[in-house]
C-alpha cells in the first residue's frame, strides 16, 4: 500500500493505493525491449548481386589470362558489387503476453511511488494552454525543471501548455508506458489518467 500525494487548488492530501511491492528489473527490461522493438522501422536495405546496376557479362575469358576466374563485375568481391547477407526491410516487432505488459506498467508506476516521485493532480488551476501558466502552476507544485517530468493528463490544454518545455514529456492517458516512465525522473498524472491506468490494470488491453 502506497500513500500518494494528490494536489488540488484546495490543498494537498494523500491517496492510499495498491501497487506491486516488488519491482522486477528484468521484467521492466523485457517490456522496454518489446516497446523499442515495436518502434524500429526496419527499413535498412542493401542490394544483392542480382540487384546492382551492372552488366551480367563475364568480364574476361575464363582461361589463359593468368587471373582469377571472375564472372560479372557485380560480384561482391568488387567495389560497387552486391552485398552478401546484407540487411533487408523487416519487422522487428514481436508479441509479449498481456499480463507481462500489465505487470511491467504497474511496477514502473510503483517504482516512482516508492521513490516519492509520483504526484496525482486533481485540477490544473489556472492552466489554459499557455506555457507561462503551466510554469506558474509547476512552481507551486514544486517542479522547477531540475528533474525531467512525465506529465500524463487527459486535458489537451495542459499538454499544449507543457509540451514546449524541454524537461517535460507529455502523454495522453492511453499513451502511458513503461519506457517513458523510466526515462524521466518524476511522474505527474491527473485523476482521469490515474483512473485510466487503474482500468488497464483491471484487464483492458
N, C-alpha and C. Protein backbone atom coordinates (compact mmCIF):
# COMPACT_ATOMS: atom_id res chain seq x y z
N UNK A 1 0.85 -1.20 0.00
CA UNK A 1 0.00 0.00 0.00
C UNK A 1 0.88 1.25 0.00
N UNK A 2 0.63 2.15 -0.93
CA UNK A 2 1.41 3.37 -1.05
C UNK A 2 0.51 4.58 -0.74
N UNK A 3 1.10 5.57 -0.10
CA UNK A 3 0.41 6.85 0.13
C UNK A 3 0.93 7.84 -0.91
N UNK A 4 0.06 8.18 -1.87
CA UNK A 4 0.47 9.05 -2.98
C UNK A 4 -0.14 10.43 -2.79
N UNK A 5 0.68 11.49 -2.86
CA UNK A 5 0.13 12.85 -2.70
C UNK A 5 -0.78 13.23 -3.86
N UNK A 6 -1.87 13.90 -3.52
CA UNK A 6 -2.83 14.41 -4.52
C UNK A 6 -2.89 15.92 -4.36
N UNK A 7 -2.62 16.63 -5.44
CA UNK A 7 -2.57 18.10 -5.40
C UNK A 7 -3.82 18.67 -6.07
N UNK A 8 -4.42 19.65 -5.41
CA UNK A 8 -5.57 20.34 -6.00
C UNK A 8 -5.53 21.80 -5.58
N UNK A 9 -6.43 22.58 -6.14
CA UNK A 9 -6.47 24.00 -5.81
C UNK A 9 -6.87 24.23 -4.36
N UNK A 10 -7.51 23.22 -3.75
CA UNK A 10 -7.94 23.36 -2.35
C UNK A 10 -6.89 22.88 -1.36
N UNK A 11 -5.78 22.37 -1.85
CA UNK A 11 -4.73 21.92 -0.94
C UNK A 11 -4.14 20.59 -1.35
N UNK A 12 -3.48 19.93 -0.39
CA UNK A 12 -2.80 18.68 -0.67
C UNK A 12 -3.33 17.60 0.26
N UNK A 13 -3.54 16.40 -0.29
CA UNK A 13 -3.97 15.27 0.51
C UNK A 13 -3.26 14.03 0.01
N UNK A 14 -3.53 12.90 0.63
CA UNK A 14 -2.88 11.66 0.22
C UNK A 14 -3.92 10.61 -0.13
N UNK A 15 -3.55 9.76 -1.08
CA UNK A 15 -4.44 8.70 -1.53
C UNK A 15 -3.73 7.37 -1.33
N UNK A 16 -4.39 6.45 -0.63
CA UNK A 16 -3.83 5.12 -0.40
C UNK A 16 -4.16 4.23 -1.59
N UNK A 17 -3.14 3.68 -2.25
CA UNK A 17 -3.36 2.85 -3.44
C UNK A 17 -2.59 1.54 -3.32
N UNK A 18 -3.10 0.53 -4.01
CA UNK A 18 -2.46 -0.78 -4.06
C UNK A 18 -1.62 -0.88 -5.33
N UNK A 19 -0.33 -1.09 -5.15
CA UNK A 19 0.58 -1.29 -6.27
C UNK A 19 1.55 -2.40 -5.89
N UNK A 20 2.20 -3.04 -6.86
CA UNK A 20 3.15 -4.11 -6.53
C UNK A 20 4.25 -3.61 -5.59
N UNK A 21 4.54 -4.43 -4.58
CA UNK A 21 5.59 -4.08 -3.63
C UNK A 21 6.98 -4.44 -4.16
N UNK A 22 7.04 -5.46 -4.99
CA UNK A 22 8.31 -5.90 -5.55
C UNK A 22 8.44 -5.41 -6.99
N UNK A 23 9.58 -4.85 -7.31
CA UNK A 23 9.85 -4.39 -8.67
C UNK A 23 10.90 -5.31 -9.28
N UNK A 24 10.55 -5.94 -10.39
CA UNK A 24 11.44 -6.89 -11.06
C UNK A 24 12.16 -6.18 -12.21
N UNK A 25 13.45 -5.84 -12.04
CA UNK A 25 14.17 -5.10 -13.09
C UNK A 25 14.20 -5.84 -14.42
N UNK A 26 14.31 -7.17 -14.38
CA UNK A 26 14.36 -7.92 -15.63
C UNK A 26 13.04 -7.83 -16.39
N UNK A 27 11.93 -7.87 -15.67
CA UNK A 27 10.62 -7.75 -16.32
C UNK A 27 10.48 -6.37 -16.97
N UNK A 28 10.95 -5.34 -16.26
CA UNK A 28 10.91 -3.99 -16.85
C UNK A 28 11.77 -3.93 -18.10
N UNK A 29 12.92 -4.57 -18.06
CA UNK A 29 13.80 -4.62 -19.24
C UNK A 29 13.11 -5.30 -20.40
N UNK A 30 12.39 -6.39 -20.13
CA UNK A 30 11.67 -7.11 -21.17
C UNK A 30 10.61 -6.22 -21.84
N UNK A 31 9.87 -5.46 -21.02
CA UNK A 31 8.81 -4.61 -21.56
C UNK A 31 9.41 -3.47 -22.39
N UNK A 32 10.48 -2.86 -21.89
CA UNK A 32 11.13 -1.77 -22.64
C UNK A 32 11.71 -2.29 -23.95
N UNK A 33 12.31 -3.45 -23.91
CA UNK A 33 12.86 -4.06 -25.13
C UNK A 33 11.75 -4.31 -26.14
N UNK A 34 10.62 -4.79 -25.67
CA UNK A 34 9.46 -5.03 -26.56
C UNK A 34 8.96 -3.72 -27.16
N UNK A 35 8.88 -2.67 -26.32
CA UNK A 35 8.42 -1.37 -26.82
C UNK A 35 9.35 -0.82 -27.91
N UNK A 36 10.65 -0.86 -27.64
CA UNK A 36 11.60 -0.29 -28.59
C UNK A 36 11.67 -1.12 -29.87
N UNK A 37 11.47 -2.44 -29.76
CA UNK A 37 11.46 -3.29 -30.95
C UNK A 37 10.27 -2.93 -31.83
N UNK A 38 9.13 -2.63 -31.22
CA UNK A 38 7.95 -2.23 -31.99
C UNK A 38 8.17 -0.92 -32.73
N UNK A 39 9.00 -0.05 -32.15
CA UNK A 39 9.22 1.27 -32.75
C UNK A 39 10.21 1.24 -33.91
N UNK A 40 11.01 0.17 -34.01
CA UNK A 40 12.02 0.11 -35.08
C UNK A 40 11.34 0.07 -36.44
N UNK A 41 11.80 0.88 -37.35
CA UNK A 41 11.17 0.95 -38.68
C UNK A 41 11.61 -0.21 -39.57
N UNK A 42 12.81 -0.70 -39.36
CA UNK A 42 13.26 -1.84 -40.15
C UNK A 42 13.33 -1.57 -41.64
N UNK A 43 13.78 -0.39 -42.02
CA UNK A 43 13.82 -0.02 -43.45
C UNK A 43 15.21 -0.18 -44.07
N UNK A 44 16.21 -0.62 -43.30
CA UNK A 44 17.56 -0.79 -43.86
C UNK A 44 17.52 -1.81 -44.99
N UNK A 45 18.16 -1.47 -46.10
CA UNK A 45 18.13 -2.37 -47.25
C UNK A 45 19.41 -2.25 -48.07
N UNK A 46 19.95 -3.38 -48.49
CA UNK A 46 21.13 -3.40 -49.36
C UNK A 46 20.79 -4.20 -50.62
N UNK A 47 21.56 -4.01 -51.67
CA UNK A 47 21.32 -4.71 -52.93
C UNK A 47 22.19 -5.96 -53.01
N UNK A 48 21.58 -7.03 -53.48
CA UNK A 48 22.32 -8.26 -53.67
C UNK A 48 23.03 -8.23 -55.03
N UNK A 49 23.74 -9.28 -55.30
CA UNK A 49 24.46 -9.38 -56.59
C UNK A 49 23.50 -9.29 -57.78
N UNK A 50 22.29 -9.77 -57.59
CA UNK A 50 21.33 -9.76 -58.68
C UNK A 50 20.61 -8.44 -58.84
N UNK A 51 20.83 -7.49 -57.91
CA UNK A 51 20.10 -6.23 -57.94
C UNK A 51 20.95 -5.02 -58.33
N UNK A 52 22.27 -5.12 -58.24
CA UNK A 52 23.12 -3.97 -58.56
C UNK A 52 23.06 -3.68 -60.06
N UNK A 53 23.27 -2.41 -60.43
CA UNK A 53 23.13 -1.96 -61.83
C UNK A 53 24.44 -2.17 -62.58
N UNK A 54 24.76 -3.43 -62.88
CA UNK A 54 25.93 -3.74 -63.69
C UNK A 54 25.55 -4.77 -64.73
N UNK A 55 26.32 -4.84 -65.80
CA UNK A 55 26.09 -5.87 -66.81
C UNK A 55 26.41 -7.24 -66.22
N UNK A 56 25.70 -8.23 -66.69
CA UNK A 56 25.98 -9.60 -66.24
C UNK A 56 27.01 -10.30 -67.15
N UNK A 57 27.60 -9.54 -68.07
CA UNK A 57 28.61 -10.11 -68.98
C UNK A 57 29.86 -10.52 -68.20
N UNK A 58 30.41 -11.65 -68.58
CA UNK A 58 31.66 -12.09 -67.96
C UNK A 58 32.76 -11.10 -68.32
N UNK A 59 33.53 -10.63 -67.34
CA UNK A 59 34.43 -9.50 -67.58
C UNK A 59 35.66 -9.86 -68.43
N UNK A 60 36.08 -11.12 -68.42
CA UNK A 60 37.14 -11.56 -69.33
C UNK A 60 37.07 -13.09 -69.41
N UNK A 61 37.76 -13.66 -70.36
CA UNK A 61 37.64 -15.12 -70.55
C UNK A 61 37.99 -15.92 -69.30
N UNK A 62 37.43 -17.11 -69.24
CA UNK A 62 37.66 -17.97 -68.09
C UNK A 62 39.13 -18.39 -67.98
N UNK A 63 39.75 -18.68 -69.14
CA UNK A 63 41.10 -19.25 -69.11
C UNK A 63 42.11 -18.39 -69.89
N UNK A 64 43.36 -18.70 -69.61
CA UNK A 64 44.50 -18.15 -70.35
C UNK A 64 44.73 -16.66 -70.11
N UNK A 65 44.28 -16.13 -69.00
CA UNK A 65 44.59 -14.73 -68.70
C UNK A 65 45.56 -14.63 -67.52
N UNK A 66 45.74 -15.72 -66.82
CA UNK A 66 46.60 -15.70 -65.63
C UNK A 66 45.95 -15.00 -64.45
N UNK A 67 44.67 -14.73 -64.58
CA UNK A 67 43.97 -14.02 -63.49
C UNK A 67 42.90 -14.92 -62.89
N UNK A 68 42.29 -14.43 -61.83
CA UNK A 68 41.25 -15.23 -61.15
C UNK A 68 40.05 -15.42 -62.05
N UNK A 69 39.28 -16.47 -61.81
CA UNK A 69 38.15 -16.83 -62.67
C UNK A 69 36.89 -16.07 -62.25
N UNK A 70 36.81 -14.81 -62.65
CA UNK A 70 35.67 -13.98 -62.28
C UNK A 70 34.52 -14.12 -63.26
N UNK A 71 33.32 -13.75 -62.79
CA UNK A 71 32.15 -13.70 -63.65
C UNK A 71 31.84 -12.25 -63.98
N UNK A 72 30.69 -11.77 -63.53
CA UNK A 72 30.34 -10.38 -63.85
C UNK A 72 30.90 -9.42 -62.80
N UNK A 73 30.89 -8.12 -63.14
CA UNK A 73 31.51 -7.10 -62.27
C UNK A 73 30.65 -6.75 -61.05
N UNK A 74 29.42 -7.30 -61.00
CA UNK A 74 28.55 -7.05 -59.84
C UNK A 74 28.81 -7.99 -58.68
N UNK A 75 29.85 -8.83 -58.81
CA UNK A 75 30.16 -9.78 -57.73
C UNK A 75 30.54 -9.04 -56.45
N UNK A 76 30.26 -9.60 -55.30
CA UNK A 76 30.54 -8.92 -54.02
C UNK A 76 32.02 -8.57 -53.81
N UNK A 77 32.92 -9.27 -54.50
CA UNK A 77 34.34 -9.02 -54.30
C UNK A 77 34.78 -7.67 -54.87
N UNK A 78 33.99 -7.12 -55.81
CA UNK A 78 34.37 -5.86 -56.47
C UNK A 78 33.71 -4.67 -55.76
N UNK A 79 34.41 -3.52 -55.81
CA UNK A 79 33.85 -2.28 -55.28
C UNK A 79 32.59 -1.94 -56.06
N UNK A 80 31.50 -1.67 -55.36
CA UNK A 80 30.24 -1.37 -56.03
C UNK A 80 29.42 -2.60 -56.36
N UNK A 81 29.96 -3.77 -56.02
CA UNK A 81 29.22 -5.01 -56.28
C UNK A 81 28.14 -5.24 -55.24
N UNK A 82 27.43 -6.34 -55.38
CA UNK A 82 26.33 -6.64 -54.47
C UNK A 82 26.83 -6.97 -53.06
N UNK A 83 25.92 -6.94 -52.12
CA UNK A 83 26.24 -7.25 -50.73
C UNK A 83 25.75 -8.65 -50.39
N UNK A 84 26.58 -9.39 -49.69
CA UNK A 84 26.20 -10.75 -49.28
C UNK A 84 25.59 -10.71 -47.88
N UNK A 85 24.40 -11.25 -47.71
CA UNK A 85 23.72 -11.33 -46.42
C UNK A 85 23.53 -9.95 -45.77
N UNK A 86 23.33 -8.92 -46.60
CA UNK A 86 23.08 -7.59 -46.05
C UNK A 86 21.66 -7.47 -45.54
N UNK A 87 21.35 -6.37 -44.83
CA UNK A 87 20.00 -6.19 -44.28
C UNK A 87 18.96 -5.96 -45.37
N UNK A 88 17.76 -6.44 -45.10
CA UNK A 88 16.60 -6.21 -45.96
C UNK A 88 15.47 -5.71 -45.07
N UNK A 89 14.50 -4.98 -45.63
CA UNK A 89 13.39 -4.49 -44.80
C UNK A 89 12.74 -5.64 -44.04
N UNK A 90 12.49 -5.41 -42.76
CA UNK A 90 11.91 -6.45 -41.92
C UNK A 90 11.15 -5.82 -40.76
N UNK A 91 10.33 -6.61 -40.13
CA UNK A 91 9.53 -6.18 -38.98
C UNK A 91 10.19 -6.71 -37.72
N UNK A 92 10.62 -5.81 -36.83
CA UNK A 92 11.31 -6.22 -35.62
C UNK A 92 10.35 -6.50 -34.45
N UNK A 93 9.07 -6.20 -34.63
CA UNK A 93 8.13 -6.35 -33.50
C UNK A 93 7.88 -7.82 -33.19
N UNK A 94 7.50 -8.08 -31.96
CA UNK A 94 7.13 -9.43 -31.53
C UNK A 94 6.08 -9.29 -30.44
N UNK A 95 5.47 -10.39 -30.09
CA UNK A 95 4.40 -10.33 -29.09
C UNK A 95 4.94 -10.55 -27.69
N UNK A 96 4.33 -9.87 -26.75
CA UNK A 96 4.66 -10.04 -25.34
C UNK A 96 3.34 -10.27 -24.60
N UNK A 97 3.25 -11.25 -23.73
CA UNK A 97 1.98 -11.54 -23.05
C UNK A 97 1.39 -10.31 -22.36
N UNK A 98 0.06 -10.18 -22.44
CA UNK A 98 -0.60 -9.01 -21.87
C UNK A 98 -0.35 -8.90 -20.37
N UNK A 99 -0.30 -10.03 -19.69
CA UNK A 99 -0.07 -9.99 -18.24
C UNK A 99 1.33 -9.44 -17.92
N UNK A 100 2.29 -9.75 -18.77
CA UNK A 100 3.65 -9.23 -18.57
C UNK A 100 3.66 -7.72 -18.79
N UNK A 101 2.95 -7.26 -19.84
CA UNK A 101 2.89 -5.82 -20.10
C UNK A 101 2.20 -5.08 -18.96
N UNK A 102 1.11 -5.65 -18.45
CA UNK A 102 0.40 -5.02 -17.35
C UNK A 102 1.27 -4.97 -16.09
N UNK A 103 1.95 -6.09 -15.81
CA UNK A 103 2.81 -6.15 -14.62
C UNK A 103 3.95 -5.13 -14.73
N UNK A 104 4.53 -5.00 -15.93
CA UNK A 104 5.61 -4.04 -16.12
C UNK A 104 5.16 -2.62 -15.88
N UNK A 105 3.98 -2.25 -16.41
CA UNK A 105 3.46 -0.90 -16.21
C UNK A 105 3.18 -0.64 -14.74
N UNK A 106 2.57 -1.61 -14.05
CA UNK A 106 2.28 -1.45 -12.63
C UNK A 106 3.56 -1.30 -11.81
N UNK A 107 4.59 -2.07 -12.17
CA UNK A 107 5.86 -1.99 -11.45
C UNK A 107 6.56 -0.66 -11.69
N UNK A 108 6.48 -0.14 -12.91
CA UNK A 108 7.11 1.15 -13.21
C UNK A 108 6.45 2.27 -12.41
N UNK A 109 5.12 2.26 -12.34
CA UNK A 109 4.40 3.26 -11.55
C UNK A 109 4.72 3.08 -10.07
N UNK A 110 4.76 1.81 -9.61
CA UNK A 110 5.07 1.54 -8.20
C UNK A 110 6.48 2.01 -7.83
N UNK A 111 7.41 1.87 -8.77
CA UNK A 111 8.78 2.31 -8.51
C UNK A 111 8.83 3.82 -8.29
N UNK A 112 8.08 4.59 -9.09
CA UNK A 112 8.03 6.03 -8.89
C UNK A 112 7.34 6.37 -7.56
N UNK A 113 6.30 5.61 -7.22
CA UNK A 113 5.60 5.86 -5.96
C UNK A 113 6.52 5.57 -4.77
N UNK A 114 7.30 4.49 -4.86
CA UNK A 114 8.20 4.11 -3.78
C UNK A 114 9.29 5.16 -3.57
N UNK A 115 9.71 5.79 -4.65
CA UNK A 115 10.74 6.83 -4.56
C UNK A 115 10.18 8.20 -4.18
N UNK A 116 8.85 8.28 -4.05
CA UNK A 116 8.23 9.58 -3.76
C UNK A 116 8.22 10.50 -4.96
N UNK A 117 8.26 9.91 -6.16
CA UNK A 117 8.32 10.70 -7.40
C UNK A 117 7.02 10.66 -8.19
N UNK A 118 5.93 10.21 -7.55
CA UNK A 118 4.64 10.15 -8.21
C UNK A 118 3.70 11.18 -7.59
N UNK A 119 3.13 12.03 -8.42
CA UNK A 119 2.20 13.06 -7.95
C UNK A 119 0.91 12.98 -8.75
N UNK A 120 -0.22 12.91 -8.03
CA UNK A 120 -1.53 12.95 -8.68
C UNK A 120 -2.09 14.36 -8.57
N UNK A 121 -2.76 14.80 -9.62
CA UNK A 121 -3.28 16.17 -9.67
C UNK A 121 -4.78 16.12 -9.90
N UNK A 122 -5.51 16.79 -9.01
CA UNK A 122 -6.97 16.83 -9.16
C UNK A 122 -7.38 17.86 -10.21
N UNK A 123 -6.71 18.99 -10.22
CA UNK A 123 -7.01 20.01 -11.23
C UNK A 123 -5.78 20.90 -11.43
N UNK A 124 -5.61 21.34 -12.67
CA UNK A 124 -4.51 22.25 -13.00
C UNK A 124 -5.09 23.66 -13.01
N UNK A 125 -5.24 24.23 -11.83
CA UNK A 125 -5.88 25.54 -11.71
C UNK A 125 -5.08 26.62 -12.44
N UNK A 126 -5.76 27.35 -13.29
CA UNK A 126 -5.13 28.48 -13.98
C UNK A 126 -4.37 28.12 -15.23
N UNK A 127 -4.35 26.84 -15.62
CA UNK A 127 -3.63 26.43 -16.84
C UNK A 127 -4.64 26.30 -17.98
N UNK A 128 -4.53 27.18 -18.97
CA UNK A 128 -5.48 27.20 -20.08
C UNK A 128 -4.78 27.18 -21.44
N UNK A 129 -3.67 26.46 -21.49
CA UNK A 129 -2.99 26.29 -22.77
C UNK A 129 -1.75 27.13 -22.96
N UNK A 130 -1.41 28.00 -22.00
CA UNK A 130 -0.22 28.85 -22.13
C UNK A 130 0.93 28.29 -21.29
N UNK A 131 2.13 28.32 -21.86
CA UNK A 131 3.29 27.77 -21.17
C UNK A 131 3.58 28.50 -19.88
N UNK A 132 3.42 29.84 -19.88
CA UNK A 132 3.70 30.60 -18.66
C UNK A 132 2.71 30.23 -17.55
N UNK A 133 1.49 29.84 -17.92
CA UNK A 133 0.51 29.40 -16.93
C UNK A 133 0.93 28.07 -16.31
N UNK A 134 1.44 27.17 -17.16
CA UNK A 134 1.90 25.89 -16.63
C UNK A 134 3.13 26.08 -15.74
N UNK A 135 4.03 26.98 -16.14
CA UNK A 135 5.22 27.22 -15.32
C UNK A 135 4.83 27.75 -13.95
N UNK A 136 3.84 28.62 -13.89
CA UNK A 136 3.37 29.14 -12.61
C UNK A 136 2.78 28.02 -11.76
N UNK A 137 2.01 27.14 -12.40
CA UNK A 137 1.44 26.00 -11.67
C UNK A 137 2.55 25.07 -11.18
N UNK A 138 3.52 24.78 -12.06
CA UNK A 138 4.60 23.87 -11.72
C UNK A 138 5.43 24.39 -10.55
N UNK A 139 5.65 25.68 -10.52
CA UNK A 139 6.41 26.27 -9.41
C UNK A 139 5.68 26.04 -8.09
N UNK A 140 4.37 26.20 -8.10
CA UNK A 140 3.58 25.96 -6.89
C UNK A 140 3.56 24.49 -6.49
N UNK A 141 3.74 23.60 -7.48
CA UNK A 141 3.73 22.16 -7.20
C UNK A 141 5.11 21.63 -6.86
N UNK A 142 6.12 22.50 -6.87
CA UNK A 142 7.47 22.08 -6.54
C UNK A 142 8.25 21.52 -7.71
N UNK A 143 7.82 21.82 -8.92
CA UNK A 143 8.52 21.36 -10.12
C UNK A 143 9.24 22.56 -10.74
N UNK A 144 10.56 22.54 -10.68
CA UNK A 144 11.32 23.70 -11.12
C UNK A 144 12.19 23.44 -12.35
N UNK A 145 12.04 22.25 -12.94
CA UNK A 145 12.84 21.94 -14.13
C UNK A 145 14.15 21.26 -13.84
N UNK A 146 14.46 21.03 -12.57
CA UNK A 146 15.71 20.34 -12.22
C UNK A 146 15.59 18.84 -12.47
N UNK A 147 14.36 18.34 -12.59
CA UNK A 147 14.12 16.93 -12.89
C UNK A 147 13.24 16.83 -14.14
N UNK A 148 13.49 15.79 -14.93
CA UNK A 148 12.61 15.55 -16.08
C UNK A 148 11.28 14.99 -15.57
N UNK A 149 10.20 15.43 -16.21
CA UNK A 149 8.86 15.10 -15.74
C UNK A 149 8.06 14.46 -16.87
N UNK A 150 7.38 13.36 -16.55
CA UNK A 150 6.42 12.77 -17.47
C UNK A 150 5.03 13.22 -17.00
N UNK A 151 4.38 14.03 -17.82
CA UNK A 151 3.07 14.58 -17.49
C UNK A 151 2.00 13.82 -18.28
N UNK A 152 1.14 13.12 -17.55
CA UNK A 152 0.08 12.33 -18.19
C UNK A 152 -1.26 12.94 -17.79
N UNK A 153 -1.94 13.52 -18.76
CA UNK A 153 -3.19 14.20 -18.47
C UNK A 153 -4.16 14.07 -19.64
N UNK A 154 -5.44 14.05 -19.29
CA UNK A 154 -6.48 13.99 -20.32
C UNK A 154 -6.76 15.36 -20.93
N UNK A 155 -6.25 16.42 -20.30
CA UNK A 155 -6.52 17.77 -20.77
C UNK A 155 -5.56 18.16 -21.89
N UNK A 156 -6.11 18.41 -23.07
CA UNK A 156 -5.27 18.82 -24.19
C UNK A 156 -4.67 20.20 -23.96
N UNK A 157 -5.39 21.07 -23.25
CA UNK A 157 -4.87 22.41 -22.95
C UNK A 157 -3.63 22.34 -22.07
N UNK A 158 -3.66 21.45 -21.07
CA UNK A 158 -2.50 21.31 -20.18
C UNK A 158 -1.31 20.71 -20.95
N UNK A 159 -1.58 19.72 -21.78
CA UNK A 159 -0.50 19.13 -22.58
C UNK A 159 0.10 20.16 -23.52
N UNK A 160 -0.74 21.00 -24.11
CA UNK A 160 -0.26 22.04 -25.01
C UNK A 160 0.59 23.06 -24.25
N UNK A 161 0.19 23.38 -23.03
CA UNK A 161 0.93 24.36 -22.23
C UNK A 161 2.31 23.85 -21.82
N UNK A 162 2.45 22.52 -21.67
CA UNK A 162 3.70 21.97 -21.14
C UNK A 162 4.63 21.40 -22.20
N UNK A 163 4.13 21.17 -23.41
CA UNK A 163 4.93 20.40 -24.37
C UNK A 163 6.15 21.14 -24.89
N UNK A 164 6.20 22.46 -24.78
CA UNK A 164 7.37 23.20 -25.26
C UNK A 164 8.52 23.21 -24.27
N UNK A 165 8.28 22.76 -23.05
CA UNK A 165 9.34 22.76 -22.03
C UNK A 165 10.25 21.56 -22.24
N UNK A 166 11.56 21.78 -22.29
CA UNK A 166 12.48 20.67 -22.59
C UNK A 166 12.53 19.61 -21.50
N UNK A 167 12.09 19.94 -20.29
CA UNK A 167 12.16 18.97 -19.19
C UNK A 167 10.83 18.25 -18.95
N UNK A 168 9.85 18.48 -19.83
CA UNK A 168 8.54 17.84 -19.68
C UNK A 168 8.24 16.98 -20.91
N UNK A 169 7.82 15.74 -20.66
CA UNK A 169 7.31 14.85 -21.70
C UNK A 169 5.81 14.70 -21.45
N UNK A 170 4.98 15.00 -22.44
CA UNK A 170 3.54 14.95 -22.24
C UNK A 170 2.94 13.74 -22.95
N UNK A 171 1.94 13.14 -22.30
CA UNK A 171 1.23 11.99 -22.87
C UNK A 171 -0.24 12.07 -22.53
N UNK A 172 -1.07 11.55 -23.42
CA UNK A 172 -2.47 11.32 -23.09
C UNK A 172 -2.54 10.06 -22.22
N UNK A 173 -3.61 9.89 -21.44
CA UNK A 173 -3.70 8.73 -20.53
C UNK A 173 -3.49 7.39 -21.22
N UNK A 174 -4.04 7.23 -22.44
CA UNK A 174 -3.89 5.95 -23.12
C UNK A 174 -2.47 5.69 -23.60
N UNK A 175 -1.61 6.71 -23.57
CA UNK A 175 -0.24 6.54 -24.02
C UNK A 175 0.76 6.21 -22.92
N UNK A 176 0.28 6.09 -21.68
CA UNK A 176 1.19 5.80 -20.56
C UNK A 176 1.92 4.49 -20.82
N UNK A 177 3.25 4.51 -20.70
CA UNK A 177 4.04 3.32 -21.00
C UNK A 177 5.28 3.25 -20.12
N UNK A 178 5.86 2.06 -20.05
CA UNK A 178 7.00 1.80 -19.17
C UNK A 178 8.23 2.60 -19.59
N UNK A 179 8.52 2.65 -20.88
CA UNK A 179 9.73 3.30 -21.36
C UNK A 179 9.77 4.77 -20.96
N UNK A 180 8.67 5.50 -21.18
CA UNK A 180 8.66 6.92 -20.85
C UNK A 180 8.68 7.16 -19.35
N UNK A 181 8.10 6.26 -18.57
CA UNK A 181 8.16 6.39 -17.11
C UNK A 181 9.60 6.27 -16.64
N UNK A 182 10.31 5.29 -17.18
CA UNK A 182 11.67 5.02 -16.71
C UNK A 182 12.69 6.03 -17.22
N UNK A 183 12.41 6.66 -18.37
CA UNK A 183 13.39 7.61 -18.90
C UNK A 183 13.22 9.01 -18.33
N UNK A 184 12.19 9.23 -17.53
CA UNK A 184 12.00 10.51 -16.83
C UNK A 184 12.10 10.26 -15.33
N UNK A 185 12.36 11.34 -14.61
CA UNK A 185 12.63 11.18 -13.17
C UNK A 185 11.39 11.32 -12.29
N UNK A 186 10.37 11.99 -12.78
CA UNK A 186 9.17 12.21 -11.97
C UNK A 186 7.92 11.98 -12.82
N UNK A 187 6.91 11.39 -12.20
CA UNK A 187 5.66 11.08 -12.89
C UNK A 187 4.53 11.91 -12.29
N UNK A 188 3.86 12.69 -13.13
CA UNK A 188 2.72 13.51 -12.71
C UNK A 188 1.51 13.08 -13.53
N UNK A 189 0.43 12.72 -12.85
CA UNK A 189 -0.78 12.24 -13.52
C UNK A 189 -1.99 12.97 -12.95
N UNK A 190 -2.95 13.29 -13.83
CA UNK A 190 -4.21 13.80 -13.29
C UNK A 190 -5.11 12.61 -12.94
N UNK A 191 -6.21 12.87 -12.26
CA UNK A 191 -7.04 11.77 -11.77
C UNK A 191 -7.68 10.99 -12.91
N UNK A 192 -7.97 11.65 -14.03
CA UNK A 192 -8.51 10.93 -15.19
C UNK A 192 -7.49 9.93 -15.72
N UNK A 193 -6.22 10.34 -15.77
CA UNK A 193 -5.17 9.44 -16.22
C UNK A 193 -4.98 8.29 -15.23
N UNK A 194 -5.10 8.61 -13.93
CA UNK A 194 -4.97 7.57 -12.91
C UNK A 194 -6.09 6.54 -13.04
N UNK A 195 -7.30 6.99 -13.30
CA UNK A 195 -8.42 6.07 -13.47
C UNK A 195 -8.23 5.20 -14.72
N UNK A 196 -7.70 5.80 -15.78
CA UNK A 196 -7.43 5.03 -17.00
C UNK A 196 -6.36 3.97 -16.73
N UNK A 197 -5.35 4.33 -15.94
CA UNK A 197 -4.31 3.37 -15.56
C UNK A 197 -4.90 2.22 -14.75
N UNK A 198 -5.78 2.54 -13.81
CA UNK A 198 -6.41 1.51 -12.98
C UNK A 198 -7.27 0.59 -13.86
N UNK A 199 -7.94 1.15 -14.86
CA UNK A 199 -8.75 0.33 -15.77
C UNK A 199 -7.89 -0.64 -16.56
N UNK A 200 -6.72 -0.16 -17.00
CA UNK A 200 -5.80 -1.04 -17.74
C UNK A 200 -5.30 -2.16 -16.85
N UNK A 201 -5.06 -1.87 -15.59
CA UNK A 201 -4.61 -2.90 -14.66
C UNK A 201 -5.72 -3.92 -14.38
N UNK A 202 -6.96 -3.49 -14.62
CA UNK A 202 -8.09 -4.38 -14.40
C UNK A 202 -8.32 -5.37 -15.51
N UNK A 203 -7.48 -5.30 -16.55
CA UNK A 203 -7.57 -6.31 -17.58
C UNK A 203 -7.81 -5.80 -18.98
N UNK A 204 -7.93 -4.49 -19.16
CA UNK A 204 -8.12 -3.98 -20.52
C UNK A 204 -6.82 -4.06 -21.30
N UNK A 205 -6.96 -4.18 -22.58
CA UNK A 205 -5.75 -4.28 -23.43
C UNK A 205 -5.03 -2.96 -23.48
